[in-house]
Amino acid sequence: MSTASMTVDNDESDTNDEWQFGDSPLAGVDEGGGGLLRQILDEVTAMRASAAGDRVALAEAITGSLSKIEDQLGQLRGDVAAVRAELDASGGVLADSVAGVLAAVEADAADVKRMAAEVRHLRVSLIGPD
């Protein structure tokens, strides 16, 4: 290509130089195969095949992981059911224990009430009314 700047005087000579391509850069390339376009097509095809293989491998990995998670969920459900059964069984025992504690507290409260009445009586007896 010409490196001279284009002016009105030499417009025709630059235009002629500009359109002289010389040897094709694709000389020696198998023109029956499409050259650069064929190479791009082959690379895209290879990338698609690779992506398809990656998708299949990923789908298999996800399926395997989901199967493991499903098994773990099944075990967890069994453990929760066992804990619920233990709580239901111990619920009666717990209720009996709470009832016993409440009875002891009520008895203590009655004792405290009786003692408070005795202290008031002694105070009135010793000191007199307020």
N, C-alpha and C. Protein backbone atom coordinates (compact mmCIF):
# COMPACT_ATOMS: atom_id res chain seq x y z
N MET A 1 0.84 -1.17 0.00
CA MET A 1 0.00 0.00 0.00
C MET A 1 0.88 1.23 0.00
N SER A 2 0.35 2.28 -0.46
CA SER A 2 1.11 3.53 -0.55
C SER A 2 1.04 4.24 0.79
N THR A 3 2.18 4.83 1.19
CA THR A 3 2.21 5.56 2.45
C THR A 3 2.13 7.06 2.22
N ALA A 4 2.15 7.51 0.94
CA ALA A 4 2.07 8.95 0.63
C ALA A 4 0.67 9.43 0.92
N SER A 5 0.57 10.67 1.42
CA SER A 5 -0.76 11.20 1.72
C SER A 5 -1.47 11.52 0.41
N MET A 6 -2.74 11.42 0.43
CA MET A 6 -3.53 11.61 -0.76
C MET A 6 -3.80 13.10 -0.97
N THR A 7 -3.48 13.60 -2.12
CA THR A 7 -3.76 15.01 -2.46
C THR A 7 -4.52 15.02 -3.77
N VAL A 8 -4.98 16.19 -4.12
CA VAL A 8 -5.74 16.32 -5.37
C VAL A 8 -4.86 15.99 -6.57
N ASP A 9 -3.56 16.33 -6.53
CA ASP A 9 -2.68 16.12 -7.67
C ASP A 9 -2.39 14.64 -7.90
N ASN A 10 -2.17 13.89 -6.85
CA ASN A 10 -1.77 12.49 -7.06
C ASN A 10 -2.88 11.52 -6.65
N ASP A 11 -4.11 11.92 -6.75
CA ASP A 11 -5.27 11.11 -6.36
C ASP A 11 -5.33 9.81 -7.14
N GLU A 12 -5.09 9.86 -8.42
CA GLU A 12 -5.21 8.68 -9.27
C GLU A 12 -4.10 7.68 -8.99
N SER A 13 -2.89 8.12 -8.75
CA SER A 13 -1.79 7.19 -8.52
C SER A 13 -1.94 6.48 -7.17
N ASP A 14 -2.40 7.18 -6.15
CA ASP A 14 -2.61 6.54 -4.85
C ASP A 14 -3.73 5.52 -4.92
N THR A 15 -4.76 5.81 -5.65
CA THR A 15 -5.89 4.90 -5.77
C THR A 15 -5.45 3.63 -6.46
N ASN A 16 -4.61 3.74 -7.48
CA ASN A 16 -4.13 2.54 -8.16
C ASN A 16 -3.24 1.71 -7.25
N ASP A 17 -2.37 2.36 -6.45
CA ASP A 17 -1.51 1.63 -5.51
C ASP A 17 -2.34 0.97 -4.41
N GLU A 18 -3.35 1.65 -4.05
CA GLU A 18 -4.18 1.18 -2.95
C GLU A 18 -4.86 -0.14 -3.28
N TRP A 19 -5.21 -0.35 -4.50
CA TRP A 19 -5.96 -1.54 -4.87
C TRP A 19 -5.08 -2.64 -5.45
N GLN A 20 -3.78 -2.53 -5.28
CA GLN A 20 -2.85 -3.58 -5.70
C GLN A 20 -2.54 -4.44 -4.47
N PHE A 21 -3.11 -5.62 -4.42
CA PHE A 21 -2.97 -6.45 -3.23
C PHE A 21 -1.76 -7.37 -3.24
N GLY A 22 -1.23 -7.69 -4.32
CA GLY A 22 -0.08 -8.57 -4.38
C GLY A 22 -0.49 -10.00 -4.08
N ASP A 23 0.42 -10.71 -3.43
CA ASP A 23 0.13 -12.11 -3.09
C ASP A 23 -0.91 -12.18 -1.97
N SER A 24 -1.76 -13.14 -2.08
CA SER A 24 -2.79 -13.35 -1.06
C SER A 24 -2.15 -13.91 0.21
N PRO A 25 -2.52 -13.44 1.37
CA PRO A 25 -1.96 -14.00 2.60
C PRO A 25 -2.40 -15.43 2.84
N LEU A 26 -3.39 -15.90 2.10
CA LEU A 26 -3.86 -17.26 2.26
C LEU A 26 -3.18 -18.22 1.30
N ALA A 27 -2.07 -17.78 0.69
CA ALA A 27 -1.36 -18.64 -0.25
C ALA A 27 -0.85 -19.86 0.49
N GLY A 28 -1.09 -21.02 -0.05
CA GLY A 28 -0.63 -22.26 0.56
C GLY A 28 -1.68 -22.90 1.47
N VAL A 29 -2.77 -22.20 1.72
CA VAL A 29 -3.83 -22.77 2.54
C VAL A 29 -4.72 -23.59 1.64
N ASP A 30 -5.18 -24.70 2.15
CA ASP A 30 -6.05 -25.56 1.37
C ASP A 30 -7.36 -24.82 1.11
N GLU A 31 -7.53 -24.33 -0.11
CA GLU A 31 -8.70 -23.53 -0.43
C GLU A 31 -9.96 -24.38 -0.48
N GLY A 32 -9.81 -25.68 -0.68
CA GLY A 32 -10.98 -26.55 -0.68
C GLY A 32 -11.59 -26.67 0.70
N GLY A 33 -10.78 -26.47 1.77
CA GLY A 33 -11.26 -26.62 3.14
C GLY A 33 -11.84 -25.34 3.70
N GLY A 34 -11.75 -24.23 3.05
CA GLY A 34 -12.34 -23.01 3.54
C GLY A 34 -11.39 -22.14 4.31
N GLY A 35 -10.16 -22.56 4.53
CA GLY A 35 -9.17 -21.72 5.18
C GLY A 35 -9.54 -21.33 6.59
N LEU A 36 -9.52 -20.03 6.85
CA LEU A 36 -9.77 -19.48 8.19
C LEU A 36 -11.18 -19.82 8.66
N LEU A 37 -12.16 -19.75 7.78
CA LEU A 37 -13.53 -20.07 8.17
C LEU A 37 -13.66 -21.53 8.59
N ARG A 38 -12.96 -22.42 7.88
CA ARG A 38 -12.98 -23.84 8.23
C ARG A 38 -12.35 -24.04 9.61
N GLN A 39 -11.26 -23.36 9.86
CA GLN A 39 -10.57 -23.46 11.15
C GLN A 39 -11.49 -22.97 12.28
N ILE A 40 -12.18 -21.85 12.05
CA ILE A 40 -13.09 -21.32 13.06
C ILE A 40 -14.24 -22.29 13.30
N LEU A 41 -14.78 -22.85 12.22
CA LEU A 41 -15.87 -23.82 12.33
C LEU A 41 -15.42 -25.05 13.11
N ASP A 42 -14.22 -25.54 12.80
CA ASP A 42 -13.69 -26.71 13.52
C ASP A 42 -13.52 -26.41 15.02
N GLU A 43 -13.01 -25.21 15.33
CA GLU A 43 -12.81 -24.85 16.73
C GLU A 43 -14.15 -24.70 17.46
N VAL A 44 -15.13 -24.10 16.80
CA VAL A 44 -16.46 -23.95 17.42
C VAL A 44 -17.10 -25.31 17.63
N THR A 45 -16.95 -26.20 16.65
CA THR A 45 -17.49 -27.55 16.79
C THR A 45 -16.83 -28.28 17.95
N ALA A 46 -15.52 -28.14 18.07
CA ALA A 46 -14.79 -28.77 19.17
C ALA A 46 -15.24 -28.19 20.52
N MET A 47 -15.45 -26.87 20.57
CA MET A 47 -15.90 -26.25 21.82
C MET A 47 -17.31 -26.72 22.19
N ARG A 48 -18.17 -26.88 21.19
CA ARG A 48 -19.53 -27.37 21.45
C ARG A 48 -19.49 -28.80 21.99
N ALA A 49 -18.65 -29.62 21.38
CA ALA A 49 -18.53 -31.01 21.84
C ALA A 49 -17.98 -31.05 23.25
N SER A 50 -17.00 -30.23 23.53
CA SER A 50 -16.43 -30.17 24.88
C SER A 50 -17.47 -29.68 25.88
N ALA A 51 -18.23 -28.65 25.51
CA ALA A 51 -19.27 -28.12 26.40
C ALA A 51 -20.35 -29.17 26.65
N ALA A 52 -20.70 -29.93 25.62
CA ALA A 52 -21.70 -30.99 25.78
C ALA A 52 -21.18 -32.04 26.76
N GLY A 53 -19.93 -32.42 26.62
CA GLY A 53 -19.33 -33.38 27.55
C GLY A 53 -19.30 -32.83 28.97
N ASP A 54 -18.97 -31.53 29.10
CA ASP A 54 -18.95 -30.91 30.42
C ASP A 54 -20.35 -30.89 31.03
N ARG A 55 -21.36 -30.61 30.21
CA ARG A 55 -22.74 -30.59 30.71
C ARG A 55 -23.16 -31.97 31.21
N VAL A 56 -22.78 -33.01 30.47
CA VAL A 56 -23.13 -34.37 30.86
C VAL A 56 -22.44 -34.72 32.18
N ALA A 57 -21.16 -34.38 32.30
CA ALA A 57 -20.42 -34.66 33.53
C ALA A 57 -21.01 -33.89 34.71
N LEU A 58 -21.36 -32.64 34.48
CA LEU A 58 -21.96 -31.82 35.53
C LEU A 58 -23.31 -32.38 35.95
N ALA A 59 -24.12 -32.81 34.99
CA ALA A 59 -25.42 -33.39 35.30
C ALA A 59 -25.27 -34.66 36.13
N GLU A 60 -24.28 -35.48 35.79
CA GLU A 60 -24.03 -36.70 36.57
C GLU A 60 -23.56 -36.38 37.98
N ALA A 61 -22.71 -35.38 38.10
CA ALA A 61 -22.23 -34.98 39.43
C ALA A 61 -23.37 -34.44 40.28
N ILE A 62 -24.23 -33.63 39.68
CA ILE A 62 -25.38 -33.08 40.41
C ILE A 62 -26.33 -34.19 40.82
N THR A 63 -26.57 -35.13 39.92
CA THR A 63 -27.46 -36.25 40.24
C THR A 63 -26.90 -37.06 41.41
N GLY A 64 -25.59 -37.31 41.39
CA GLY A 64 -24.97 -38.03 42.49
C GLY A 64 -25.06 -37.27 43.80
N SER A 65 -24.84 -35.97 43.74
CA SER A 65 -24.93 -35.14 44.95
C SER A 65 -26.35 -35.11 45.49
N LEU A 66 -27.31 -35.00 44.58
CA LEU A 66 -28.71 -34.99 45.03
C LEU A 66 -29.10 -36.33 45.65
N SER A 67 -28.57 -37.41 45.14
CA SER A 67 -28.85 -38.72 45.72
C SER A 67 -28.29 -38.81 47.14
N LYS A 68 -27.08 -38.29 47.33
CA LYS A 68 -26.48 -38.28 48.67
C LYS A 68 -27.31 -37.42 49.62
N ILE A 69 -27.74 -36.27 49.14
CA ILE A 69 -28.55 -35.37 49.98
C ILE A 69 -29.87 -36.05 50.33
N GLU A 70 -30.48 -36.74 49.38
CA GLU A 70 -31.74 -37.44 49.63
C GLU A 70 -31.54 -38.50 50.71
N ASP A 71 -30.43 -39.24 50.65
CA ASP A 71 -30.13 -40.25 51.68
C ASP A 71 -29.95 -39.59 53.05
N GLN A 72 -29.22 -38.48 53.08
CA GLN A 72 -29.00 -37.78 54.35
C GLN A 72 -30.31 -37.24 54.91
N LEU A 73 -31.18 -36.74 54.04
CA LEU A 73 -32.49 -36.26 54.50
C LEU A 73 -33.32 -37.41 55.08
N GLY A 74 -33.24 -38.57 54.46
CA GLY A 74 -33.95 -39.73 54.98
C GLY A 74 -33.46 -40.10 56.37
N GLN A 75 -32.14 -40.07 56.55
CA GLN A 75 -31.57 -40.37 57.88
C GLN A 75 -32.00 -39.31 58.89
N LEU A 76 -31.99 -38.06 58.49
CA LEU A 76 -32.39 -36.97 59.37
C LEU A 76 -33.85 -37.10 59.77
N ARG A 77 -34.70 -37.46 58.81
CA ARG A 77 -36.12 -37.67 59.13
C ARG A 77 -36.29 -38.78 60.15
N GLY A 78 -35.53 -39.85 59.99
CA GLY A 78 -35.58 -40.95 60.96
C GLY A 78 -35.14 -40.50 62.35
N ASP A 79 -34.06 -39.70 62.40
CA ASP A 79 -33.57 -39.20 63.69
C ASP A 79 -34.60 -38.29 64.35
N VAL A 80 -35.25 -37.43 63.57
CA VAL A 80 -36.26 -36.52 64.12
C VAL A 80 -37.46 -37.33 64.64
N ALA A 81 -37.86 -38.34 63.91
CA ALA A 81 -38.97 -39.19 64.36
C ALA A 81 -38.61 -39.90 65.67
N ALA A 82 -37.37 -40.36 65.80
CA ALA A 82 -36.93 -41.03 67.03
C ALA A 82 -36.94 -40.05 68.21
N VAL A 83 -36.47 -38.82 67.98
CA VAL A 83 -36.46 -37.81 69.04
C VAL A 83 -37.88 -37.47 69.46
N ARG A 84 -38.78 -37.35 68.48
CA ARG A 84 -40.19 -37.07 68.82
C ARG A 84 -40.79 -38.19 69.65
N ALA A 85 -40.48 -39.42 69.29
CA ALA A 85 -40.99 -40.56 70.05
C ALA A 85 -40.45 -40.53 71.48
N GLU A 86 -39.17 -40.22 71.64
CA GLU A 86 -38.58 -40.12 72.98
C GLU A 86 -39.23 -39.00 73.79
N LEU A 87 -39.49 -37.86 73.13
CA LEU A 87 -40.14 -36.75 73.82
C LEU A 87 -41.55 -37.11 74.23
N ASP A 88 -42.27 -37.79 73.35
CA ASP A 88 -43.63 -38.20 73.69
C ASP A 88 -43.61 -39.17 74.87
N ALA A 89 -42.65 -40.10 74.86
CA ALA A 89 -42.55 -41.07 75.94
C ALA A 89 -42.14 -40.40 77.26
N SER A 90 -41.25 -39.43 77.17
CA SER A 90 -40.78 -38.78 78.38
C SER A 90 -41.71 -37.66 78.82
N GLY A 91 -42.67 -37.32 77.97
CA GLY A 91 -43.62 -36.25 78.31
C GLY A 91 -44.39 -36.58 79.57
N GLY A 92 -44.83 -37.82 79.73
CA GLY A 92 -45.55 -38.23 80.94
C GLY A 92 -44.67 -38.15 82.16
N VAL A 93 -43.45 -38.59 82.03
CA VAL A 93 -42.50 -38.55 83.15
C VAL A 93 -42.22 -37.09 83.52
N LEU A 94 -42.04 -36.26 82.52
CA LEU A 94 -41.76 -34.85 82.75
C LEU A 94 -42.94 -34.17 83.43
N ALA A 95 -44.15 -34.49 82.99
CA ALA A 95 -45.34 -33.90 83.61
C ALA A 95 -45.44 -34.32 85.07
N ASP A 96 -45.14 -35.58 85.37
CA ASP A 96 -45.15 -36.05 86.76
C ASP A 96 -44.10 -35.33 87.59
N SER A 97 -42.92 -35.10 87.01
CA SER A 97 -41.85 -34.40 87.72
C SER A 97 -42.24 -32.95 88.00
N VAL A 98 -42.82 -32.30 87.02
CA VAL A 98 -43.25 -30.91 87.20
C VAL A 98 -44.34 -30.83 88.26
N ALA A 99 -45.27 -31.77 88.25
CA ALA A 99 -46.34 -31.79 89.25
C ALA A 99 -45.75 -31.97 90.65
N GLY A 100 -44.75 -32.82 90.78
CA GLY A 100 -44.09 -33.02 92.09
C GLY A 100 -43.39 -31.76 92.57
N VAL A 101 -42.71 -31.06 91.64
CA VAL A 101 -42.02 -29.81 92.00
C VAL A 101 -43.05 -28.77 92.43
N LEU A 102 -44.14 -28.66 91.69
CA LEU A 102 -45.18 -27.69 92.04
C LEU A 102 -45.80 -28.01 93.41
N ALA A 103 -46.02 -29.27 93.69
CA ALA A 103 -46.57 -29.66 95.00
C ALA A 103 -45.61 -29.28 96.12
N ALA A 104 -44.30 -29.49 95.89
CA ALA A 104 -43.31 -29.12 96.90
C ALA A 104 -43.27 -27.62 97.09
N VAL A 105 -43.38 -26.86 96.01
CA VAL A 105 -43.39 -25.40 96.11
C VAL A 105 -44.63 -24.92 96.85
N GLU A 106 -45.78 -25.53 96.56
CA GLU A 106 -47.01 -25.16 97.26
C GLU A 106 -46.90 -25.48 98.75
N ALA A 107 -46.28 -26.60 99.06
CA ALA A 107 -46.09 -26.96 100.48
C ALA A 107 -45.17 -25.96 101.15
N ASP A 108 -44.10 -25.58 100.46
CA ASP A 108 -43.19 -24.58 101.01
C ASP A 108 -43.89 -23.24 101.17
N ALA A 109 -44.74 -22.90 100.21
CA ALA A 109 -45.49 -21.64 100.30
C ALA A 109 -46.42 -21.66 101.50
N ALA A 110 -47.05 -22.79 101.74
CA ALA A 110 -47.94 -22.91 102.92
C ALA A 110 -47.14 -22.77 104.21
N ASP A 111 -45.95 -23.37 104.23
CA ASP A 111 -45.08 -23.24 105.41
C ASP A 111 -44.66 -21.79 105.62
N VAL A 112 -44.30 -21.11 104.55
CA VAL A 112 -43.88 -19.73 104.65
C VAL A 112 -45.05 -18.86 105.13
N LYS A 113 -46.24 -19.14 104.64
CA LYS A 113 -47.43 -18.39 105.06
C LYS A 113 -47.71 -18.61 106.55
N ARG A 114 -47.59 -19.84 106.99
CA ARG A 114 -47.80 -20.17 108.41
C ARG A 114 -46.76 -19.48 109.27
N MET A 115 -45.49 -19.49 108.84
CA MET A 115 -44.41 -18.84 109.60
C MET A 115 -44.63 -17.33 109.65
N ALA A 116 -45.06 -16.75 108.53
CA ALA A 116 -45.33 -15.31 108.50
C ALA A 116 -46.43 -14.96 109.50
N ALA A 117 -47.46 -15.80 109.58
CA ALA A 117 -48.55 -15.55 110.54
C ALA A 117 -48.03 -15.64 111.97
N GLU A 118 -47.15 -16.62 112.22
CA GLU A 118 -46.57 -16.76 113.57
C GLU A 118 -45.70 -15.56 113.93
N VAL A 119 -44.89 -15.06 112.97
CA VAL A 119 -44.02 -13.91 113.21
C VAL A 119 -44.88 -12.68 113.50
N ARG A 120 -45.96 -12.48 112.77
CA ARG A 120 -46.85 -11.35 113.02
C ARG A 120 -47.47 -11.44 114.43
N HIS A 121 -47.87 -12.63 114.78
CA HIS A 121 -48.48 -12.84 116.10
C HIS A 121 -47.47 -12.54 117.21
N LEU A 122 -46.24 -13.03 117.03
CA LEU A 122 -45.19 -12.76 118.02
C LEU A 122 -44.88 -11.27 118.09
N ARG A 123 -44.83 -10.61 116.97
CA ARG A 123 -44.54 -9.17 116.94
C ARG A 123 -45.61 -8.39 117.68
N VAL A 124 -46.85 -8.74 117.35
CA VAL A 124 -47.96 -8.06 118.04
C VAL A 124 -47.90 -8.35 119.54
N SER A 125 -47.55 -9.58 119.90
CA SER A 125 -47.47 -9.96 121.31
C SER A 125 -46.33 -9.23 122.00
N LEU A 126 -45.18 -9.11 121.34
CA LEU A 126 -44.01 -8.51 121.98
C LEU A 126 -44.01 -6.98 121.87
N ILE A 127 -44.35 -6.44 120.71
CA ILE A 127 -44.23 -4.99 120.50
C ILE A 127 -45.59 -4.31 120.60
N GLY A 128 -46.60 -4.98 120.20
CA GLY A 128 -47.92 -4.37 120.20
C GLY A 128 -48.32 -4.07 118.76
N PRO A 129 -49.57 -3.64 118.59
CA PRO A 129 -50.01 -3.35 117.23
C PRO A 129 -49.27 -2.16 116.64
N ASP A 130 -49.28 -2.03 115.36
CA ASP A 130 -48.56 -0.95 114.66
C ASP A 130 -49.01 0.34 115.10
